[in-house]
Amino acid sequence: MNNASFLKVNGNIIDDIIDLTVEESQKHLIASNAEWLAQASFNDSSISYAIYLDQKPAGLISLIDPRLLDKFDDHFQKEHLYVWRVMIDHRFQGKGLGNQAINFSKRYASMIGLQGVSLTTMDKEEGNALSVYQKLGFTPTGRRLDDEIELIFSFNN
């Protein structure tokens, strides 16, 4: 498996990632990259990274540090980096890039002094990623947010 590289999204690379898309059967699970990046541009607490494999654009991940929010929102775990969105282009799925993206978020959280990573995912829809996250060490918190299950990974467990 080749290692992915992660580049902070900026005007120089936005054209590389704007048209990436998931499989047709997954489109109901995630917003388009154009919509996603438009929303991220208005969210000062988020940071987005393009995912490259062999210098080819392959995906996108957006993260939120809850400490940067103007006021705390109980949608987030206070000491855990939030994976806002992650997508792997349909041509690159099945190559371990989703795992690498989540592991990138874990390293990022550790580097900035957080206690772990949290995320939400659809668990009732066909094609959901719940089992993938559980294999990566995430466990359900028991909360549902926006009709999605919340999962958490803590470094001290």
N, C-alpha and C. Protein backbone atom coordinates (compact mmCIF):
# COMPACT_ATOMS: atom_id res chain seq x y z
N MET A 1 0.85 -1.18 0.00
CA MET A 1 0.00 0.00 0.00
C MET A 1 0.89 1.24 0.00
N ASN A 2 0.65 2.14 -0.93
CA ASN A 2 1.39 3.39 -0.99
C ASN A 2 0.87 4.35 0.05
N ASN A 3 1.77 5.19 0.55
CA ASN A 3 1.37 6.18 1.52
C ASN A 3 0.75 7.39 0.84
N ALA A 4 -0.31 7.86 1.43
CA ALA A 4 -0.97 9.07 0.95
C ALA A 4 -0.21 10.28 1.46
N SER A 5 -0.36 11.39 0.77
CA SER A 5 0.14 12.67 1.27
C SER A 5 -1.06 13.59 1.46
N PHE A 6 -0.93 14.51 2.40
CA PHE A 6 -2.02 15.40 2.78
C PHE A 6 -1.54 16.84 2.63
N LEU A 7 -2.24 17.60 1.79
CA LEU A 7 -1.89 19.00 1.55
C LEU A 7 -3.06 19.89 1.95
N LYS A 8 -2.76 20.92 2.73
CA LYS A 8 -3.82 21.84 3.14
C LYS A 8 -4.46 22.45 1.90
N VAL A 9 -5.78 22.45 1.88
CA VAL A 9 -6.51 22.99 0.73
C VAL A 9 -6.27 24.49 0.63
N ASN A 10 -5.91 24.93 -0.56
CA ASN A 10 -5.74 26.35 -0.86
C ASN A 10 -6.08 26.57 -2.33
N GLY A 11 -6.00 27.80 -2.76
CA GLY A 11 -6.37 28.14 -4.12
C GLY A 11 -5.55 27.44 -5.19
N ASN A 12 -4.35 27.00 -4.85
CA ASN A 12 -3.49 26.34 -5.83
C ASN A 12 -3.91 24.91 -6.13
N ILE A 13 -4.61 24.27 -5.21
CA ILE A 13 -4.96 22.86 -5.42
C ILE A 13 -6.46 22.61 -5.47
N ILE A 14 -7.26 23.63 -5.31
CA ILE A 14 -8.71 23.41 -5.25
C ILE A 14 -9.24 22.76 -6.53
N ASP A 15 -8.67 23.12 -7.68
CA ASP A 15 -9.12 22.51 -8.93
C ASP A 15 -8.84 21.01 -8.98
N ASP A 16 -7.80 20.58 -8.25
CA ASP A 16 -7.47 19.14 -8.20
C ASP A 16 -8.58 18.33 -7.54
N ILE A 17 -9.27 18.93 -6.58
CA ILE A 17 -10.18 18.13 -5.74
C ILE A 17 -11.65 18.44 -5.92
N ILE A 18 -11.97 19.54 -6.56
CA ILE A 18 -13.37 19.97 -6.62
C ILE A 18 -14.27 18.94 -7.31
N ASP A 19 -13.75 18.23 -8.30
CA ASP A 19 -14.58 17.30 -9.06
C ASP A 19 -14.45 15.84 -8.61
N LEU A 20 -13.68 15.59 -7.56
CA LEU A 20 -13.61 14.21 -7.06
C LEU A 20 -15.00 13.81 -6.57
N THR A 21 -15.32 12.54 -6.72
CA THR A 21 -16.66 12.08 -6.33
C THR A 21 -16.61 10.62 -5.86
N VAL A 22 -17.56 10.27 -5.03
CA VAL A 22 -17.68 8.90 -4.55
C VAL A 22 -18.47 8.07 -5.56
N GLU A 23 -18.61 6.79 -5.29
CA GLU A 23 -19.43 5.91 -6.14
C GLU A 23 -20.86 6.43 -6.17
N GLU A 24 -21.54 6.19 -7.24
CA GLU A 24 -22.94 6.63 -7.38
C GLU A 24 -23.79 6.16 -6.19
N SER A 25 -23.56 4.93 -5.75
CA SER A 25 -24.35 4.36 -4.64
C SER A 25 -24.04 5.01 -3.29
N GLN A 26 -22.99 5.85 -3.23
CA GLN A 26 -22.60 6.50 -1.98
C GLN A 26 -22.97 7.98 -1.94
N LYS A 27 -23.44 8.52 -3.04
CA LYS A 27 -23.66 9.97 -3.13
C LYS A 27 -24.67 10.49 -2.12
N HIS A 28 -25.60 9.64 -1.69
CA HIS A 28 -26.58 10.08 -0.69
C HIS A 28 -25.96 10.20 0.70
N LEU A 29 -24.73 9.74 0.87
CA LEU A 29 -24.07 9.74 2.17
C LEU A 29 -23.22 10.98 2.42
N ILE A 30 -22.93 11.77 1.38
CA ILE A 30 -21.98 12.87 1.55
C ILE A 30 -22.27 13.98 0.55
N ALA A 31 -22.00 15.21 0.96
CA ALA A 31 -22.17 16.37 0.08
C ALA A 31 -21.10 16.34 -1.01
N SER A 32 -21.37 17.04 -2.09
CA SER A 32 -20.35 17.17 -3.15
C SER A 32 -19.18 17.98 -2.59
N ASN A 33 -18.01 17.81 -3.21
CA ASN A 33 -16.85 18.58 -2.76
C ASN A 33 -17.05 20.07 -2.94
N ALA A 34 -17.76 20.48 -3.98
CA ALA A 34 -18.02 21.91 -4.19
C ALA A 34 -18.83 22.47 -3.02
N GLU A 35 -19.90 21.76 -2.64
CA GLU A 35 -20.73 22.20 -1.51
C GLU A 35 -19.92 22.17 -0.21
N TRP A 36 -19.18 21.11 -0.02
CA TRP A 36 -18.36 20.91 1.16
C TRP A 36 -17.35 22.05 1.32
N LEU A 37 -16.61 22.35 0.26
CA LEU A 37 -15.59 23.40 0.35
C LEU A 37 -16.20 24.78 0.52
N ALA A 38 -17.37 24.99 -0.06
CA ALA A 38 -18.07 26.27 0.16
C ALA A 38 -18.42 26.41 1.64
N GLN A 39 -18.95 25.35 2.25
CA GLN A 39 -19.28 25.40 3.68
C GLN A 39 -18.03 25.59 4.52
N ALA A 40 -16.97 24.90 4.18
CA ALA A 40 -15.72 25.01 4.95
C ALA A 40 -15.14 26.41 4.88
N SER A 41 -15.35 27.11 3.77
CA SER A 41 -14.79 28.46 3.63
C SER A 41 -15.43 29.44 4.61
N PHE A 42 -16.61 29.09 5.13
CA PHE A 42 -17.29 29.95 6.10
C PHE A 42 -17.13 29.43 7.53
N ASN A 43 -16.34 28.40 7.72
CA ASN A 43 -16.15 27.81 9.03
C ASN A 43 -14.69 28.01 9.45
N ASP A 44 -14.44 29.05 10.24
CA ASP A 44 -13.07 29.38 10.63
C ASP A 44 -12.40 28.33 11.50
N SER A 45 -13.18 27.47 12.11
CA SER A 45 -12.60 26.46 13.00
C SER A 45 -12.25 25.17 12.26
N SER A 46 -12.54 25.10 10.96
CA SER A 46 -12.24 23.87 10.22
C SER A 46 -10.99 24.05 9.36
N ILE A 47 -10.36 22.94 9.08
CA ILE A 47 -9.21 22.91 8.19
C ILE A 47 -9.39 21.70 7.28
N SER A 48 -9.16 21.89 6.00
CA SER A 48 -9.36 20.82 5.02
C SER A 48 -8.04 20.45 4.36
N TYR A 49 -7.87 19.17 4.13
CA TYR A 49 -6.68 18.64 3.48
C TYR A 49 -7.08 17.81 2.27
N ALA A 50 -6.41 18.06 1.16
CA ALA A 50 -6.54 17.20 -0.01
C ALA A 50 -5.67 15.97 0.23
N ILE A 51 -6.18 14.84 -0.19
CA ILE A 51 -5.45 13.58 -0.06
C ILE A 51 -4.94 13.20 -1.45
N TYR A 52 -3.64 12.95 -1.53
CA TYR A 52 -3.02 12.56 -2.80
C TYR A 52 -2.42 11.17 -2.68
N LEU A 53 -2.50 10.42 -3.75
CA LEU A 53 -1.83 9.13 -3.84
C LEU A 53 -1.03 9.13 -5.13
N ASP A 54 0.26 8.88 -5.02
CA ASP A 54 1.15 8.92 -6.19
C ASP A 54 0.98 10.24 -6.95
N GLN A 55 0.89 11.32 -6.22
CA GLN A 55 0.77 12.69 -6.75
C GLN A 55 -0.53 12.93 -7.51
N LYS A 56 -1.50 12.04 -7.33
CA LYS A 56 -2.82 12.23 -7.96
C LYS A 56 -3.83 12.55 -6.88
N PRO A 57 -4.72 13.53 -7.12
CA PRO A 57 -5.75 13.84 -6.12
C PRO A 57 -6.68 12.65 -5.93
N ALA A 58 -6.88 12.28 -4.66
CA ALA A 58 -7.64 11.06 -4.38
C ALA A 58 -8.74 11.24 -3.35
N GLY A 59 -8.75 12.35 -2.62
CA GLY A 59 -9.78 12.51 -1.59
C GLY A 59 -9.63 13.81 -0.85
N LEU A 60 -10.39 13.90 0.23
CA LEU A 60 -10.49 15.14 0.99
C LEU A 60 -10.89 14.79 2.42
N ILE A 61 -10.31 15.51 3.38
CA ILE A 61 -10.70 15.37 4.78
C ILE A 61 -10.77 16.76 5.40
N SER A 62 -11.79 16.99 6.21
CA SER A 62 -11.92 18.26 6.94
C SER A 62 -12.01 17.96 8.43
N LEU A 63 -11.29 18.75 9.21
CA LEU A 63 -11.17 18.56 10.64
C LEU A 63 -11.58 19.83 11.37
N ILE A 64 -12.11 19.67 12.59
CA ILE A 64 -12.46 20.81 13.42
C ILE A 64 -11.84 20.62 14.80
N ASP A 65 -11.08 21.62 15.23
CA ASP A 65 -10.55 21.67 16.59
C ASP A 65 -11.59 22.39 17.44
N PRO A 66 -12.30 21.70 18.33
CA PRO A 66 -13.39 22.34 19.08
C PRO A 66 -12.91 23.48 19.98
N ARG A 67 -11.62 23.54 20.27
CA ARG A 67 -11.11 24.63 21.10
C ARG A 67 -11.12 25.95 20.35
N LEU A 68 -11.24 25.90 19.03
CA LEU A 68 -11.23 27.12 18.22
C LEU A 68 -12.61 27.70 17.98
N LEU A 69 -13.65 27.02 18.44
CA LEU A 69 -15.01 27.51 18.24
C LEU A 69 -15.23 28.78 19.06
N ASP A 70 -16.00 29.72 18.51
CA ASP A 70 -16.31 30.95 19.23
C ASP A 70 -16.97 30.67 20.56
N LYS A 71 -17.90 29.73 20.56
CA LYS A 71 -18.49 29.25 21.81
C LYS A 71 -18.65 27.75 21.68
N PHE A 72 -18.50 27.06 22.79
CA PHE A 72 -18.52 25.60 22.72
C PHE A 72 -19.89 25.12 22.27
N ASP A 73 -19.87 24.16 21.38
CA ASP A 73 -21.06 23.53 20.83
C ASP A 73 -21.06 22.08 21.30
N ASP A 74 -22.11 21.64 21.99
CA ASP A 74 -22.10 20.28 22.53
C ASP A 74 -22.21 19.20 21.46
N HIS A 75 -22.21 19.61 20.20
CA HIS A 75 -22.13 18.65 19.09
C HIS A 75 -20.74 17.99 19.08
N PHE A 76 -19.77 18.66 19.69
CA PHE A 76 -18.39 18.20 19.66
C PHE A 76 -17.96 17.67 21.02
N GLN A 77 -17.00 16.76 21.01
CA GLN A 77 -16.32 16.34 22.23
C GLN A 77 -15.24 17.38 22.49
N LYS A 78 -15.23 17.95 23.66
CA LYS A 78 -14.41 19.13 23.95
C LYS A 78 -12.91 18.92 23.71
N GLU A 79 -12.39 17.76 24.02
CA GLU A 79 -10.95 17.52 23.91
C GLU A 79 -10.59 16.54 22.79
N HIS A 80 -11.46 16.43 21.80
CA HIS A 80 -11.22 15.51 20.69
C HIS A 80 -11.38 16.24 19.36
N LEU A 81 -10.41 16.05 18.49
CA LEU A 81 -10.51 16.57 17.13
C LEU A 81 -11.72 15.94 16.46
N TYR A 82 -12.48 16.75 15.74
CA TYR A 82 -13.68 16.25 15.07
C TYR A 82 -13.40 16.07 13.59
N VAL A 83 -13.62 14.86 13.09
CA VAL A 83 -13.54 14.62 11.64
C VAL A 83 -14.88 15.05 11.08
N TRP A 84 -14.89 16.23 10.47
CA TRP A 84 -16.12 16.79 9.94
C TRP A 84 -16.58 16.02 8.71
N ARG A 85 -15.65 15.80 7.82
CA ARG A 85 -15.97 15.05 6.60
C ARG A 85 -14.72 14.36 6.08
N VAL A 86 -14.94 13.23 5.46
CA VAL A 86 -13.85 12.53 4.77
C VAL A 86 -14.46 11.85 3.55
N MET A 87 -13.79 11.96 2.43
CA MET A 87 -14.24 11.28 1.21
C MET A 87 -13.03 10.81 0.42
N ILE A 88 -13.20 9.65 -0.18
CA ILE A 88 -12.19 9.09 -1.08
C ILE A 88 -12.86 8.94 -2.44
N ASP A 89 -12.21 9.48 -3.47
CA ASP A 89 -12.74 9.39 -4.83
C ASP A 89 -12.96 7.93 -5.22
N HIS A 90 -14.01 7.70 -5.99
CA HIS A 90 -14.39 6.33 -6.37
C HIS A 90 -13.25 5.56 -7.02
N ARG A 91 -12.36 6.23 -7.73
CA ARG A 91 -11.26 5.54 -8.41
C ARG A 91 -10.17 5.07 -7.44
N PHE A 92 -10.20 5.59 -6.21
CA PHE A 92 -9.15 5.27 -5.24
C PHE A 92 -9.67 4.49 -4.03
N GLN A 93 -10.95 4.16 -4.03
CA GLN A 93 -11.49 3.40 -2.91
C GLN A 93 -10.94 1.98 -2.92
N GLY A 94 -10.82 1.40 -1.74
CA GLY A 94 -10.30 0.04 -1.62
C GLY A 94 -8.79 -0.03 -1.59
N LYS A 95 -8.12 1.10 -1.48
CA LYS A 95 -6.66 1.15 -1.46
C LYS A 95 -6.12 1.55 -0.08
N GLY A 96 -7.00 1.59 0.92
CA GLY A 96 -6.56 1.94 2.28
C GLY A 96 -6.47 3.42 2.56
N LEU A 97 -6.93 4.26 1.63
CA LEU A 97 -6.81 5.71 1.84
C LEU A 97 -7.72 6.22 2.95
N GLY A 98 -8.90 5.62 3.11
CA GLY A 98 -9.78 6.03 4.20
C GLY A 98 -9.11 5.78 5.55
N ASN A 99 -8.47 4.61 5.69
CA ASN A 99 -7.74 4.31 6.91
C ASN A 99 -6.61 5.30 7.13
N GLN A 100 -5.88 5.61 6.05
CA GLN A 100 -4.78 6.56 6.17
C GLN A 100 -5.29 7.95 6.55
N ALA A 101 -6.45 8.33 6.03
CA ALA A 101 -7.02 9.64 6.36
C ALA A 101 -7.39 9.70 7.84
N ILE A 102 -8.01 8.64 8.35
CA ILE A 102 -8.37 8.62 9.77
C ILE A 102 -7.12 8.58 10.64
N ASN A 103 -6.12 7.82 10.23
CA ASN A 103 -4.87 7.80 10.99
C ASN A 103 -4.17 9.15 10.95
N PHE A 104 -4.28 9.86 9.83
CA PHE A 104 -3.78 11.23 9.74
C PHE A 104 -4.47 12.11 10.79
N SER A 105 -5.80 11.96 10.93
CA SER A 105 -6.53 12.77 11.91
C SER A 105 -6.06 12.44 13.33
N LYS A 106 -5.74 11.18 13.59
CA LYS A 106 -5.24 10.81 14.92
C LYS A 106 -3.88 11.45 15.19
N ARG A 107 -2.99 11.41 14.21
CA ARG A 107 -1.67 12.04 14.38
C ARG A 107 -1.81 13.54 14.57
N TYR A 108 -2.70 14.15 13.80
CA TYR A 108 -2.94 15.59 13.89
C TYR A 108 -3.45 15.94 15.28
N ALA A 109 -4.42 15.17 15.78
CA ALA A 109 -4.98 15.42 17.12
C ALA A 109 -3.89 15.32 18.18
N SER A 110 -3.06 14.31 18.09
CA SER A 110 -1.97 14.14 19.05
C SER A 110 -0.99 15.31 18.97
N MET A 111 -0.66 15.71 17.76
CA MET A 111 0.30 16.80 17.55
C MET A 111 -0.18 18.12 18.16
N ILE A 112 -1.50 18.37 18.13
CA ILE A 112 -2.00 19.64 18.65
C ILE A 112 -2.51 19.52 20.09
N GLY A 113 -2.23 18.39 20.73
CA GLY A 113 -2.49 18.25 22.15
C GLY A 113 -3.90 17.86 22.54
N LEU A 114 -4.65 17.26 21.63
CA LEU A 114 -6.00 16.80 21.96
C LEU A 114 -5.94 15.35 22.46
N GLN A 115 -7.01 14.88 23.06
CA GLN A 115 -7.05 13.56 23.69
C GLN A 115 -7.49 12.44 22.75
N GLY A 116 -7.90 12.80 21.54
CA GLY A 116 -8.35 11.79 20.59
C GLY A 116 -9.12 12.41 19.45
N VAL A 117 -9.96 11.60 18.83
CA VAL A 117 -10.71 12.00 17.63
C VAL A 117 -12.15 11.55 17.80
N SER A 118 -13.08 12.38 17.35
CA SER A 118 -14.48 11.98 17.31
C SER A 118 -15.02 12.22 15.91
N LEU A 119 -16.12 11.57 15.61
CA LEU A 119 -16.78 11.75 14.32
C LEU A 119 -18.20 11.23 14.43
N THR A 120 -19.00 11.55 13.45
CA THR A 120 -20.33 10.95 13.34
C THR A 120 -20.43 10.28 11.98
N THR A 121 -21.25 9.26 11.91
CA THR A 121 -21.44 8.57 10.64
C THR A 121 -22.86 8.01 10.57
N MET A 122 -23.34 7.91 9.37
CA MET A 122 -24.64 7.27 9.17
C MET A 122 -24.46 5.78 9.43
N ASP A 123 -25.36 5.24 10.23
CA ASP A 123 -25.26 3.82 10.53
C ASP A 123 -26.47 3.03 10.05
N LYS A 124 -27.47 3.73 9.54
CA LYS A 124 -28.68 3.05 9.09
C LYS A 124 -28.76 2.96 7.57
N GLU A 125 -27.85 3.65 6.89
CA GLU A 125 -27.86 3.69 5.43
C GLU A 125 -26.96 2.60 4.86
N GLU A 126 -27.38 2.02 3.76
CA GLU A 126 -26.55 1.04 3.07
C GLU A 126 -25.27 1.71 2.59
N GLY A 127 -24.15 1.02 2.72
CA GLY A 127 -22.87 1.57 2.27
C GLY A 127 -22.19 2.44 3.30
N ASN A 128 -22.67 2.44 4.55
CA ASN A 128 -22.07 3.30 5.58
C ASN A 128 -20.70 2.76 5.99
N ALA A 129 -19.95 3.60 6.70
CA ALA A 129 -18.57 3.27 7.06
C ALA A 129 -18.40 2.88 8.53
N LEU A 130 -19.48 2.58 9.22
CA LEU A 130 -19.42 2.29 10.65
C LEU A 130 -18.39 1.20 10.98
N SER A 131 -18.42 0.10 10.26
CA SER A 131 -17.50 -1.01 10.57
C SER A 131 -16.05 -0.61 10.33
N VAL A 132 -15.80 0.23 9.35
CA VAL A 132 -14.44 0.71 9.08
C VAL A 132 -13.92 1.48 10.29
N TYR A 133 -14.74 2.40 10.80
CA TYR A 133 -14.32 3.21 11.95
C TYR A 133 -14.12 2.33 13.19
N GLN A 134 -14.96 1.35 13.37
CA GLN A 134 -14.81 0.46 14.53
C GLN A 134 -13.52 -0.35 14.43
N LYS A 135 -13.15 -0.77 13.23
CA LYS A 135 -11.88 -1.50 13.05
C LYS A 135 -10.68 -0.61 13.36
N LEU A 136 -10.87 0.71 13.24
CA LEU A 136 -9.80 1.66 13.53
C LEU A 136 -9.80 2.11 14.99
N GLY A 137 -10.60 1.44 15.82
CA GLY A 137 -10.57 1.70 17.25
C GLY A 137 -11.62 2.66 17.78
N PHE A 138 -12.54 3.09 16.94
CA PHE A 138 -13.60 4.01 17.38
C PHE A 138 -14.72 3.21 18.05
N THR A 139 -15.30 3.79 19.09
CA THR A 139 -16.42 3.16 19.78
C THR A 139 -17.58 4.15 19.87
N PRO A 140 -18.80 3.64 19.87
CA PRO A 140 -19.97 4.52 19.98
C PRO A 140 -20.01 5.20 21.35
N THR A 141 -20.42 6.46 21.37
CA THR A 141 -20.56 7.18 22.64
C THR A 141 -21.95 7.01 23.23
N GLY A 142 -22.88 6.53 22.42
CA GLY A 142 -24.27 6.43 22.85
C GLY A 142 -25.11 7.61 22.42
N ARG A 143 -24.46 8.62 21.84
CA ARG A 143 -25.20 9.80 21.37
C ARG A 143 -25.48 9.68 19.88
N ARG A 144 -26.60 10.29 19.48
CA ARG A 144 -26.93 10.46 18.07
C ARG A 144 -26.99 11.96 17.81
N LEU A 145 -26.33 12.38 16.76
CA LEU A 145 -26.30 13.79 16.39
C LEU A 145 -26.73 13.91 14.94
N ASP A 146 -27.75 14.70 14.68
CA ASP A 146 -28.26 14.86 13.32
C ASP A 146 -28.54 13.50 12.67
N ASP A 147 -29.11 12.60 13.43
CA ASP A 147 -29.48 11.25 12.99
C ASP A 147 -28.27 10.40 12.57
N GLU A 148 -27.11 10.74 13.11
CA GLU A 148 -25.91 9.93 12.88
C GLU A 148 -25.39 9.46 14.22
N ILE A 149 -24.68 8.35 14.22
CA ILE A 149 -24.09 7.82 15.44
C ILE A 149 -22.75 8.50 15.69
N GLU A 150 -22.51 8.88 16.94
CA GLU A 150 -21.23 9.50 17.30
C GLU A 150 -20.27 8.41 17.74
N LEU A 151 -19.04 8.49 17.24
CA LEU A 151 -17.98 7.56 17.59
C LEU A 151 -16.81 8.34 18.15
N ILE A 152 -16.03 7.69 19.01
CA ILE A 152 -14.90 8.37 19.62
C ILE A 152 -13.70 7.43 19.69
N PHE A 153 -12.52 8.01 19.53
CA PHE A 153 -11.26 7.30 19.72
C PHE A 153 -10.45 8.14 20.69
N SER A 154 -10.03 7.53 21.80
CA SER A 154 -9.23 8.26 22.79
C SER A 154 -7.85 7.62 22.90
N PHE A 155 -6.83 8.46 23.02
CA PHE A 155 -5.46 7.95 23.10
C PHE A 155 -5.20 7.19 24.39
N ASN A 156 -5.90 7.52 25.47
CA ASN A 156 -5.62 6.89 26.76
C ASN A 156 -6.38 5.59 26.97
N ASN A 157 -7.02 5.07 25.95
CA ASN A 157 -7.74 3.78 26.09
C ASN A 157 -6.98 2.67 25.43
